[in-house]
C-alpha atoms as a PDB file:
ATOM      1  CA  UNK A   1     -23.422  50.305  39.043  1.00  0.00           C
ATOM      2  CA  UNK A   2     -19.985  51.635  39.923  1.00  0.00           C
ATOM      3  CA  UNK A   3     -18.510  48.115  39.896  1.00  0.00           C
ATOM      4  CA  UNK A   4     -20.023  47.415  36.474  1.00  0.00           C
ATOM      5  CA  UNK A   5     -18.782  50.762  35.204  1.00  0.00           C
ATOM      6  CA  UNK A   6     -15.240  49.986  36.409  1.00  0.00           C
ATOM      7  CA  UNK A   7     -15.319  46.594  34.688  1.00  0.00           C
ATOM      8  CA  UNK A   8     -16.473  48.154  31.405  1.00  0.00           C
ATOM      9  CA  UNK A   9     -13.802  50.868  31.644  1.00  0.00           C
ATOM     10  CA  UNK A  10     -11.082  48.299  32.343  1.00  0.00           C
ATOM     11  CA  UNK A  11     -12.201  46.151  29.423  1.00  0.00           C
ATOM     12  CA  UNK A  12     -12.221  49.160  27.129  1.00  0.00           C
ATOM     13  CA  UNK A  13      -8.722  50.114  28.278  1.00  0.00           C
ATOM     14  CA  UNK A  14      -7.434  46.588  27.613  1.00  0.00           C
ATOM     15  CA  UNK A  15      -9.038  46.391  24.163  1.00  0.00           C
ATOM     16  CA  UNK A  16      -7.667  49.788  23.175  1.00  0.00           C
ATOM     17  CA  UNK A  17      -4.116  48.758  24.033  1.00  0.00           C
ATOM     18  CA  UNK A  18      -4.167  45.295  22.484  1.00  0.00           C
ATOM     19  CA  UNK A  19      -1.676  44.777  19.645  1.00  0.00           C
ATOM     20  CA  UNK A  20      -1.784  42.160  16.909  1.00  0.00           C
ATOM     21  CA  UNK A  21       1.267  40.578  18.563  1.00  0.00           C
ATOM     22  CA  UNK A  22      -0.857  39.966  21.666  1.00  0.00           C
ATOM     23  CA  UNK A  23      -3.362  37.923  19.656  1.00  0.00           C
ATOM     24  CA  UNK A  24      -0.517  35.847  18.181  1.00  0.00           C
ATOM     25  CA  UNK A  25       0.938  35.425  21.680  1.00  0.00           C
ATOM     26  CA  UNK A  26      -2.400  34.220  23.084  1.00  0.00           C
ATOM     27  CA  UNK A  27      -2.911  31.828  20.158  1.00  0.00           C
ATOM     28  CA  UNK A  28       0.547  30.271  20.626  1.00  0.00           C
ATOM     29  CA  UNK A  29       0.047  29.855  24.374  1.00  0.00           C
ATOM     30  CA  UNK A  30      -3.361  28.268  23.725  1.00  0.00           C
ATOM     31  CA  UNK A  31      -1.806  25.883  21.186  1.00  0.00           C
ATOM     32  CA  UNK A  32       0.931  24.816  23.621  1.00  0.00           C
ATOM     33  CA  UNK A  33      -1.565  24.242  26.437  1.00  0.00           C
ATOM     34  CA  UNK A  34      -3.838  22.305  24.064  1.00  0.00           C
ATOM     35  CA  UNK A  35      -0.980  20.053  22.928  1.00  0.00           C
ATOM     36  CA  UNK A  36       0.053  19.438  26.547  1.00  0.00           C
ATOM     37  CA  UNK A  37      -3.512  18.440  27.480  1.00  0.00           C
ATOM     38  CA  UNK A  38      -3.673  16.077  24.483  1.00  0.00           C
ATOM     39  CA  UNK A  39      -0.312  14.601  25.515  1.00  0.00           C
ATOM     40  CA  UNK A  40      -1.558  14.053  29.083  1.00  0.00           C
ATOM     41  CA  UNK A  41      -4.690  12.357  27.767  1.00  0.00           C
ATOM     42  CA  UNK A  42      -2.799  10.113  25.335  1.00  0.00           C
ATOM     43  CA  UNK A  43      -0.093   8.994  27.740  1.00  0.00           C
ATOM     44  CA  UNK A  44      -2.240   8.521  30.826  1.00  0.00           C
ATOM     45  CA  UNK A  45       0.233  10.559  32.901  1.00  0.00           C
ATOM     46  CA  UNK A  46      -2.546  12.137  34.952  1.00  0.00           C
ATOM     47  CA  UNK A  47      -1.499   9.933  37.902  1.00  0.00           C
ATOM     48  CA  UNK A  48       2.029  11.388  37.940  1.00  0.00           C
ATOM     49  CA  UNK A  49       0.649  14.915  37.658  1.00  0.00           C
ATOM     50  CA  UNK A  50      -1.714  14.178  40.542  1.00  0.00           C
ATOM     51  CA  UNK A  51       1.301  13.046  42.569  1.00  0.00           C
ATOM     52  CA  UNK A  52       3.100  16.317  41.827  1.00  0.00           C
ATOM     53  CA  UNK A  53      -0.041  18.205  42.879  1.00  0.00           C
ATOM     54  CA  UNK A  54      -0.127  16.349  46.204  1.00  0.00           C
ATOM     55  CA  UNK A  55       3.527  17.212  46.792  1.00  0.00           C
ATOM     56  CA  UNK A  56       2.781  20.884  46.032  1.00  0.00           C
ATOM     57  CA  UNK A  57      -0.062  20.895  48.558  1.00  0.00           C
ATOM     58  CA  UNK A  58       2.226  19.187  51.097  1.00  0.00           C
ATOM     59  CA  UNK A  59       4.832  21.902  50.523  1.00  0.00           C
ATOM     60  CA  UNK A  60       2.278  24.635  51.280  1.00  0.00           C
ATOM     61  CA  UNK A  61       1.021  22.784  54.362  1.00  0.00           C
ATOM     62  CA  UNK A  62       4.590  22.317  55.624  1.00  0.00           C
ATOM     63  CA  UNK A  63       5.061  26.100  55.461  1.00  0.00           C
ATOM     64  CA  UNK A  64       1.807  26.823  57.293  1.00  0.00           C
ATOM     65  CA  UNK A  65       2.552  24.416  60.180  1.00  0.00           C
ATOM     66  CA  UNK A  66       6.320  24.997  60.334  1.00  0.00           C
ATOM     67  CA  UNK A  67       7.231  21.411  59.431  1.00  0.00           C
ATOM     68  CA  UNK A  68      10.862  22.263  58.837  1.00  0.00           C
ATOM     69  CA  UNK A  69      12.220  18.866  57.766  1.00  0.00           C
ATOM     70  CA  UNK A  70       9.392  18.188  55.300  1.00  0.00           C
ATOM     71  CA  UNK A  71       9.576  21.750  54.007  1.00  0.00           C
ATOM     72  CA  UNK A  72      13.341  21.460  53.426  1.00  0.00           C
ATOM     73  CA  UNK A  73      12.968  18.190  51.477  1.00  0.00           C
ATOM     74  CA  UNK A  74      10.120  19.497  49.312  1.00  0.00           C
ATOM     75  CA  UNK A  75      11.911  22.798  48.727  1.00  0.00           C
ATOM     76  CA  UNK A  76      14.932  20.921  47.344  1.00  0.00           C
ATOM     77  CA  UNK A  77      12.571  18.809  45.237  1.00  0.00           C
ATOM     78  CA  UNK A  78      10.809  21.772  43.646  1.00  0.00           C
ATOM     79  CA  UNK A  79      14.102  23.609  43.125  1.00  0.00           C
ATOM     80  CA  UNK A  80      15.044  20.845  40.668  1.00  0.00           C
ATOM     81  CA  UNK A  81      11.497  20.371  39.364  1.00  0.00           C
ATOM     82  CA  UNK A  82      12.389  21.154  35.745  1.00  0.00           C
ATOM     83  CA  UNK A  83      15.057  18.417  35.655  1.00  0.00           C
ATOM     84  CA  UNK A  84      12.725  15.959  37.413  1.00  0.00           C
ATOM     85  CA  UNK A  85       9.908  16.630  34.935  1.00  0.00           C
ATOM     86  CA  UNK A  86      12.253  16.126  31.991  1.00  0.00           C
ATOM     87  CA  UNK A  87      13.457  12.794  33.440  1.00  0.00           C
ATOM     88  CA  UNK A  88       9.949  11.570  34.279  1.00  0.00           C
ATOM     89  CA  UNK A  89       8.416  12.549  30.964  1.00  0.00           C
ATOM     90  CA  UNK A  90      11.379  12.159  28.618  1.00  0.00           C
ATOM     91  CA  UNK A  91       9.594   9.561  26.470  1.00  0.00           C
ATOM     92  CA  UNK A  92       6.445  11.659  26.186  1.00  0.00           C
ATOM     93  CA  UNK A  93       8.400  14.831  25.413  1.00  0.00           C
ATOM     94  CA  UNK A  94      10.432  13.092  22.708  1.00  0.00           C
ATOM     95  CA  UNK A  95       7.295  11.611  21.148  1.00  0.00           C
ATOM     96  CA  UNK A  96       5.449  14.943  21.283  1.00  0.00           C
ATOM     97  CA  UNK A  97       8.324  16.829  19.651  1.00  0.00           C
ATOM     98  CA  UNK A  98       8.544  14.218  16.908  1.00  0.00           C
ATOM     99  CA  UNK A  99       4.813  14.479  16.324  1.00  0.00           C
ATOM    100  CA  UNK A 100       4.919  18.290  16.218  1.00  0.00           C
ATOM    101  CA  UNK A 101       7.816  18.139  13.778  1.00  0.00           C
ATOM    102  CA  UNK A 102       5.995  15.801  11.426  1.00  0.00           C
ATOM    103  CA  UNK A 103       2.451  17.149  11.824  1.00  0.00           C
ATOM    104  CA  UNK A 104       2.345  20.380  13.838  1.00  0.00           C
ATOM    105  CA  UNK A 105      -1.401  21.024  13.536  1.00  0.00           C
ATOM    106  CA  UNK A 106      -3.168  18.007  12.057  1.00  0.00           C
ATOM    107  CA  UNK A 107      -3.117  14.322  12.962  1.00  0.00           C
ATOM    108  CA  UNK A 108      -4.889  11.215  11.784  1.00  0.00           C
ATOM    109  CA  UNK A 109      -5.376   9.608   8.432  1.00  0.00           C
ATOM    110  CA  UNK A 110      -7.369  10.508   5.358  1.00  0.00           C
ATOM    111  CA  UNK A 111     -10.814   9.106   4.628  1.00  0.00           C
ATOM    112  CA  UNK A 112      -9.509   7.043   1.713  1.00  0.00           C
ATOM    113  CA  UNK A 113      -6.682   5.581   3.785  1.00  0.00           C
ATOM    114  CA  UNK A 114      -9.080   4.915   6.671  1.00  0.00           C
ATOM    115  CA  UNK A 115     -11.397   2.909   4.412  1.00  0.00           C
ATOM    116  CA  UNK A 116      -8.445   0.904   3.098  1.00  0.00           C
ATOM    117  CA  UNK A 117      -7.153   0.168   6.610  1.00  0.00           C
ATOM    118  CA  UNK A 118     -10.560  -0.951   7.880  1.00  0.00           C
ATOM    119  CA  UNK A 119     -10.993  -3.345   4.970  1.00  0.00           C
ATOM    120  CA  UNK A 120      -7.471  -4.754   5.274  1.00  0.00           C
ATOM    121  CA  UNK A 121      -7.780  -5.325   9.035  1.00  0.00           C
ATOM    122  CA  UNK A 122     -11.242  -6.870   8.676  1.00  0.00           C
ATOM    123  CA  UNK A 123     -10.164  -9.038   5.746  1.00  0.00           C
ATOM    124  CA  UNK A 124      -7.059 -10.192   7.609  1.00  0.00           C
ATOM    125  CA  UNK A 125      -9.062 -11.096  10.742  1.00  0.00           C
ATOM    126  CA  UNK A 126     -11.656 -13.034   8.725  1.00  0.00           C
ATOM    127  CA  UNK A 127      -8.960 -14.914   6.806  1.00  0.00           C
ATOM    128  CA  UNK A 128      -7.124 -15.810  10.027  1.00  0.00           C
ATOM    129  CA  UNK A 129     -10.354 -17.098  11.599  1.00  0.00           C
ATOM    130  CA  UNK A 130     -11.186 -19.200   8.551  1.00  0.00           C
ATOM    131  CA  UNK A 131      -7.730 -20.808   8.624  1.00  0.00           C
ATOM    132  CA  UNK A 132      -7.996 -21.589  12.329  1.00  0.00           C
ATOM    133  CA  UNK A 133      -5.174 -19.306  13.478  1.00  0.00           C
ATOM    134  CA  UNK A 134      -5.277 -17.514  16.816  1.00  0.00           C
ATOM    135  CA  UNK A 135      -4.707 -13.744  16.862  1.00  0.00           C
ATOM    136  CA  UNK A 136      -4.781 -10.555  18.905  1.00  0.00           C
ATOM    137  CA  UNK A 137      -5.106  -7.319  16.920  1.00  0.00           C
ATOM    138  CA  UNK A 138      -4.812  -4.118  18.976  1.00  0.00           C
ATOM    139  CA  UNK A 139      -6.004  -0.850  17.418  1.00  0.00           C
ATOM    140  CA  UNK A 140      -4.711   2.054  19.476  1.00  0.00           C
ATOM    141  CA  UNK A 141      -7.011   5.062  19.821  1.00  0.00           C
ATOM    142  CA  UNK A 142      -6.417   8.152  21.989  1.00  0.00           C
ATOM    143  CA  UNK A 143      -4.492   6.628  24.903  1.00  0.00           C
ATOM    144  CA  UNK A 144      -1.043   5.232  24.166  1.00  0.00           C
ATOM    145  CA  UNK A 145      -0.817   1.574  25.147  1.00  0.00           C
ATOM    146  CA  UNK A 146       2.988   1.475  25.501  1.00  0.00           C
ATOM    147  CA  UNK A 147       2.742   1.695  29.296  1.00  0.00           C
ATOM    148  CA  UNK A 148       0.361  -1.233  29.526  1.00  0.00           C
ATOM    149  CA  UNK A 149       1.893  -3.809  27.168  1.00  0.00           C
ATOM    150  CA  UNK A 150       5.215  -5.503  26.640  1.00  0.00           C
ATOM    151  CA  UNK A 151       6.359  -4.326  23.217  1.00  0.00           C
ATOM    152  CA  UNK A 152       7.562  -7.126  20.948  1.00  0.00           C
ATOM    153  CA  UNK A 153       9.299  -6.783  17.592  1.00  0.00           C
ATOM    154  CA  UNK A 154       9.128  -3.321  16.040  1.00  0.00           C
ATOM    155  CA  UNK A 155       7.855  -3.404  12.455  1.00  0.00           C
ATOM    156  CA  UNK A 156       6.604   0.024  11.315  1.00  0.00           C
ATOM    157  CA  UNK A 157       4.828  -1.697   8.425  1.00  0.00           C
ATOM    158  CA  UNK A 158       1.905  -0.700   6.255  1.00  0.00           C
ATOM    159  CA  UNK A 159      -1.419  -2.353   7.046  1.00  0.00           C
ATOM    160  CA  UNK A 160      -2.406  -5.208   4.773  1.00  0.00           C
ATOM    161  CA  UNK A 161      -4.349  -8.415   5.235  1.00  0.00           C
ATOM    162  CA  UNK A 162      -1.401 -10.409   3.878  1.00  0.00           C
ATOM    163  CA  UNK A 163       0.989  -9.006   6.476  1.00  0.00           C
ATOM    164  CA  UNK A 164      -1.485  -9.579   9.308  1.00  0.00           C
ATOM    165  CA  UNK A 165      -2.102 -13.144   8.125  1.00  0.00           C
ATOM    166  CA  UNK A 166       1.612 -13.909   7.776  1.00  0.00           C
ATOM    167  CA  UNK A 167       2.355 -12.629  11.288  1.00  0.00           C
ATOM    168  CA  UNK A 168      -0.220 -14.950  12.873  1.00  0.00           C
ATOM    169  CA  UNK A 169       0.717 -17.962  10.805  1.00  0.00           C
ATOM    170  CA  UNK A 170       1.714 -20.641  13.363  1.00  0.00           C
ATOM    171  CA  UNK A 171       5.059 -20.971  11.557  1.00  0.00           C
ATOM    172  CA  UNK A 172       5.866 -17.299  12.200  1.00  0.00           C
ATOM    173  CA  UNK A 173       8.129 -16.551  15.189  1.00  0.00           C
ATOM    174  CA  UNK A 174       5.887 -13.567  16.052  1.00  0.00           C
ATOM    175  CA  UNK A 175       2.536 -15.355  16.044  1.00  0.00           C
ATOM    176  CA  UNK A 176       2.446 -15.852  19.811  1.00  0.00           C
ATOM    177  CA  UNK A 177       1.379 -12.391  20.885  1.00  0.00           C
ATOM    178  CA  UNK A 178      -0.492  -9.333  19.640  1.00  0.00           C
ATOM    179  CA  UNK A 179       0.111  -6.863  16.860  1.00  0.00           C
ATOM    180  CA  UNK A 180      -0.207  -3.161  17.622  1.00  0.00           C
ATOM    181  CA  UNK A 181      -1.776  -0.891  15.004  1.00  0.00           C
ATOM    182  CA  UNK A 182      -1.163   2.814  15.544  1.00  0.00           C
ATOM    183  CA  UNK A 183      -2.542   5.306  13.055  1.00  0.00           C
ATOM    184  CA  UNK A 184      -1.939   3.845   9.622  1.00  0.00           C
ATOM    185  CA  UNK A 185       0.758   1.287  10.447  1.00  0.00           C
ATOM    186  CA  UNK A 186       1.447  -2.001  12.172  1.00  0.00           C
ATOM    187  CA  UNK A 187       4.088  -0.701  14.577  1.00  0.00           C
ATOM    188  CA  UNK A 188       4.973  -3.938  16.387  1.00  0.00           C
ATOM    189  CA  UNK A 189       4.184  -7.652  16.657  1.00  0.00           C
ATOM    190  CA  UNK A 190       4.631 -10.319  19.322  1.00  0.00           C
ATOM    191  CA  UNK A 191       3.387  -7.934  22.031  1.00  0.00           C
ATOM    192  CA  UNK A 192       2.131  -9.240  25.369  1.00  0.00           C
ATOM    193  CA  UNK A 193      -0.927  -7.672  27.018  1.00  0.00           C
ATOM    194  CA  UNK A 194      -1.861  -7.490  30.708  1.00  0.00           C
ATOM    195  CA  UNK A 195      -4.345 -10.133  31.836  1.00  0.00           C
ATOM    196  CA  UNK A 196      -7.616  -8.929  33.305  1.00  0.00           C
ATOM    197  CA  UNK A 197      -7.878  -9.079  37.092  1.00  0.00           C
ATOM    198  CA  UNK A 198     -11.663  -8.891  37.009  1.00  0.00           C
ATOM    199  CA  UNK A 199     -12.943 -11.883  39.046  1.00  0.00           C
ATOM    200  CA  UNK A 200     -16.361 -11.661  37.393  1.00  0.00           C
ATOM    201  CA  UNK A 201     -15.276 -12.608  33.868  1.00  0.00           C
ATOM    202  CA  UNK A 202     -16.068 -16.037  32.470  1.00  0.00           C
ATOM    203  CA  UNK A 203     -13.663 -18.667  33.843  1.00  0.00           C
ATOM    204  CA  UNK A 204     -13.779 -20.492  30.514  1.00  0.00           C
ATOM    205  CA  UNK A 205     -12.161 -17.613  28.629  1.00  0.00           C
ATOM    206  CA  UNK A 206      -8.670 -18.289  27.335  1.00  0.00           C
ATOM    207  CA  UNK A 207      -5.526 -16.229  27.770  1.00  0.00           C
ATOM    208  CA  UNK A 208      -6.081 -14.213  24.572  1.00  0.00           C
ATOM    209  CA  UNK A 209      -9.530 -13.053  25.635  1.00  0.00           C
ATOM    210  CA  UNK A 210      -8.379 -12.255  29.164  1.00  0.00           C
ATOM    211  CA  UNK A 211      -5.466 -10.256  27.771  1.00  0.00           C
ATOM    212  CA  UNK A 212      -7.753  -8.312  25.423  1.00  0.00           C
ATOM    213  CA  UNK A 213     -10.144  -7.510  28.265  1.00  0.00           C
ATOM    214  CA  UNK A 214      -7.225  -6.537  30.517  1.00  0.00           C
ATOM    215  CA  UNK A 215      -5.838  -4.014  28.032  1.00  0.00           C
ATOM    216  CA  UNK A 216      -9.227  -2.462  27.280  1.00  0.00           C
ATOM    217  CA  UNK A 217      -9.868  -2.070  31.003  1.00  0.00           C
ATOM    218  CA  UNK A 218      -6.784   0.176  31.169  1.00  0.00           C
ATOM    219  CA  UNK A 219      -7.019   2.006  27.816  1.00  0.00           C
ATOM    220  CA  UNK A 220      -9.549   2.965  25.147  1.00  0.00           C
ATOM    221  CA  UNK A 221      -8.009   0.559  22.606  1.00  0.00           C
ATOM    222  CA  UNK A 222     -10.084  -1.717  20.381  1.00  0.00           C
ATOM    223  CA  UNK A 223      -8.942  -5.349  20.318  1.00  0.00           C
ATOM    224  CA  UNK A 224      -9.963  -8.065  17.874  1.00  0.00           C
ATOM    225  CA  UNK A 225      -9.509 -11.579  19.276  1.00  0.00           C
ATOM    226  CA  UNK A 226      -9.477 -14.519  16.883  1.00  0.00           C
ATOM    227  CA  UNK A 227     -10.110 -17.901  18.519  1.00  0.00           C
ATOM    228  CA  UNK A 228      -8.290 -20.782  16.883  1.00  0.00           C
ATOM    229  CA  UNK A 229     -10.597 -23.313  18.563  1.00  0.00           C
ATOM    230  CA  UNK A 230     -13.912 -21.696  17.599  1.00  0.00           C
ATOM    231  CA  UNK A 231     -12.659 -19.993  14.413  1.00  0.00           C
ATOM    232  CA  UNK A 232     -14.578 -16.903  15.491  1.00  0.00           C
ATOM    233  CA  UNK A 233     -13.773 -13.241  16.127  1.00  0.00           C
ATOM    234  CA  UNK A 234     -14.559 -11.285  19.297  1.00  0.00           C
ATOM    235  CA  UNK A 235     -14.587  -7.484  19.565  1.00  0.00           C
ATOM    236  CA  UNK A 236     -13.309  -6.181  22.896  1.00  0.00           C
ATOM    237  CA  UNK A 237     -13.741  -2.569  24.044  1.00  0.00           C
ATOM    238  CA  UNK A 238     -13.870  -0.924  27.487  1.00  0.00           C
ATOM    239  CA  UNK A 239     -13.495  -4.291  29.199  1.00  0.00           C
ATOM    240  CA  UNK A 240     -16.536  -5.756  27.420  1.00  0.00           C
ATOM    241  CA  UNK A 241     -16.441  -8.511  24.817  1.00  0.00           C
ATOM    242  CA  UNK A 242     -18.786  -9.066  21.863  1.00  0.00           C
ATOM    243  CA  UNK A 243     -18.210 -12.697  20.771  1.00  0.00           C
ATOM    244  CA  UNK A 244     -18.869 -14.280  17.381  1.00  0.00           C
ATOM    245  CA  UNK A 245     -18.713 -10.962  15.525  1.00  0.00           C
ATOM    246  CA  UNK A 246     -19.579 -10.968  11.835  1.00  0.00           C
ATOM    247  CA  UNK A 247     -17.918  -8.849   9.139  1.00  0.00           C
ATOM    248  CA  UNK A 248     -20.388  -5.897   9.328  1.00  0.00           C
ATOM    249  CA  UNK A 249     -19.899  -5.653  13.116  1.00  0.00           C
ATOM    250  CA  UNK A 250     -16.127  -5.751  12.728  1.00  0.00           C
ATOM    251  CA  UNK A 251     -16.214  -3.020  10.080  1.00  0.00           C
ATOM    252  CA  UNK A 252     -18.471  -0.845  12.216  1.00  0.00           C
ATOM    253  CA  UNK A 253     -16.216  -1.189  15.273  1.00  0.00           C
ATOM    254  CA  UNK A 254     -13.132  -0.358  13.199  1.00  0.00           C
ATOM    255  CA  UNK A 255     -14.729   2.682  11.565  1.00  0.00           C
ATOM    256  CA  UNK A 256     -15.786   3.981  14.970  1.00  0.00           C
ATOM    257  CA  UNK A 257     -12.282   3.380  16.324  1.00  0.00           C
ATOM    258  CA  UNK A 258     -10.943   5.699  13.618  1.00  0.00           C
ATOM    259  CA  UNK A 259     -13.659   8.256  14.353  1.00  0.00           C
ATOM    260  CA  UNK A 260     -15.883   7.699  11.328  1.00  0.00           C
ATOM    261  CA  UNK A 261     -19.462   6.599  10.929  1.00  0.00           C
ATOM    262  CA  UNK A 262     -19.854   3.126   9.479  1.00  0.00           C
ATOM    263  CA  UNK A 263     -20.688   2.941   5.816  1.00  0.00           C
ATOM    264  CA  UNK A 264     -20.957  -0.300   3.839  1.00  0.00           C
ATOM    265  CA  UNK A 265     -17.869  -1.078   1.805  1.00  0.00           C
ATOM    266  CA  UNK A 266     -18.302  -0.671  -1.931  1.00  0.00           C
ATOM    267  CA  UNK A 267     -15.391  -2.106  -3.910  1.00  0.00           C
ATOM    268  CA  UNK A 268     -14.168  -0.165  -6.887  1.00  0.00           C
ATOM    269  CA  UNK A 269     -15.507  -1.290 -10.276  1.00  0.00           C
ATOM    270  CA  UNK A 270     -13.198  -0.912 -13.223  1.00  0.00           C
ATOM    271  CA  UNK A 271     -15.052   0.657 -16.113  1.00  0.00           C
END
């Protein structure tokens, strides 16, 4: 009982001396930690952080066992850790600061814009398939794909079926590659994706399908693959491909990629 009494007394003491500034302080620290965790998730930098953790453990072990040379090297490393972190994560830090500056608390797109984007992407993919063009359409989700693809021509363009169709027109200089859709924009075209190294995939699959599978094995992106030979569309997610997708399936996959439940499209009727 004495331990419980001490805990209650300590909690009462803390609550009595809390100021409103302390609540603001805690909220700001929580927000910073939350944004850092989101950044780690989006950039896939968990491997680099794991490496830093291993070095930290090695530093402690070198002190315990008097490994002087290793301890000296790691001590110099951690002395300049702030500079090293800035160099390693300069791209992520710059992107995070830009995002905080433009949208400090909220991200994403509105429901109306999301419906428009889904319809434009789906319409563009269907039109490309009907015309016999080949295409790779990458819809980025939570994990940034920059580290896994070779970025082509930067566009920063609004999403429209006409733009998507014009990019994949065989006469276009950017048709040989993928377009990257991030949020509400087509950010680049002519991108090259990593080919899947999975030996179990169908040997008859072409380069486009292998590239789509390869990217989705590394990230949570959704990729639409349009086959110029079959004039069909495949949906690729998590390393799995759904071939010969029809319009309702494409819409459903796109809605889910943007975090919404699928609802049938109802075009506006002018009264």
